[in-house]
Amino acid sequence: MCCEGFWLGLGAFLMVGLCHPLVIAVEYHLGRRVWWVLLLLGLGAFAASLVLAGWLSLLLGVLGACFSWSTLELFWQHRRVALGRARRNPRRPASYYQLPTQEPVKNNGV
């Protein structure tokens, strides 16, 4: 019986499931300034998946995708915290969570 797909799916599920709380904890404790660490971990896992063969290559490819996606999620988590949708670190100044303001679009009666 071939179970490779099941094990790959289970591994991907676990990696995605572990990266979500990782992003929340990183944003809470370290902030978004460490985004590059997640990106380098993702790129490193991608590079290692190209060199290795077999199951390890597949799992490292999935791990690279998870870390790369976590880089984006870190910025989105920061926005959620700034909007009050997620827990904020009380030791950070309020100015850290201020979002850049956008100018309203003028309609000019059109």
Foldseek 3Di string as FASTA:
>chain_A
DDCPVVVLVVLLVVLLVVLVVVLVVCCAPPNLPCLVVLLVQLVVLQVVLVVDDDPSSSSSPSNSVSSNVSSVVNVVVLQCVLVVNDDHHVVDDNVVSDDDDDDDDDDVVD
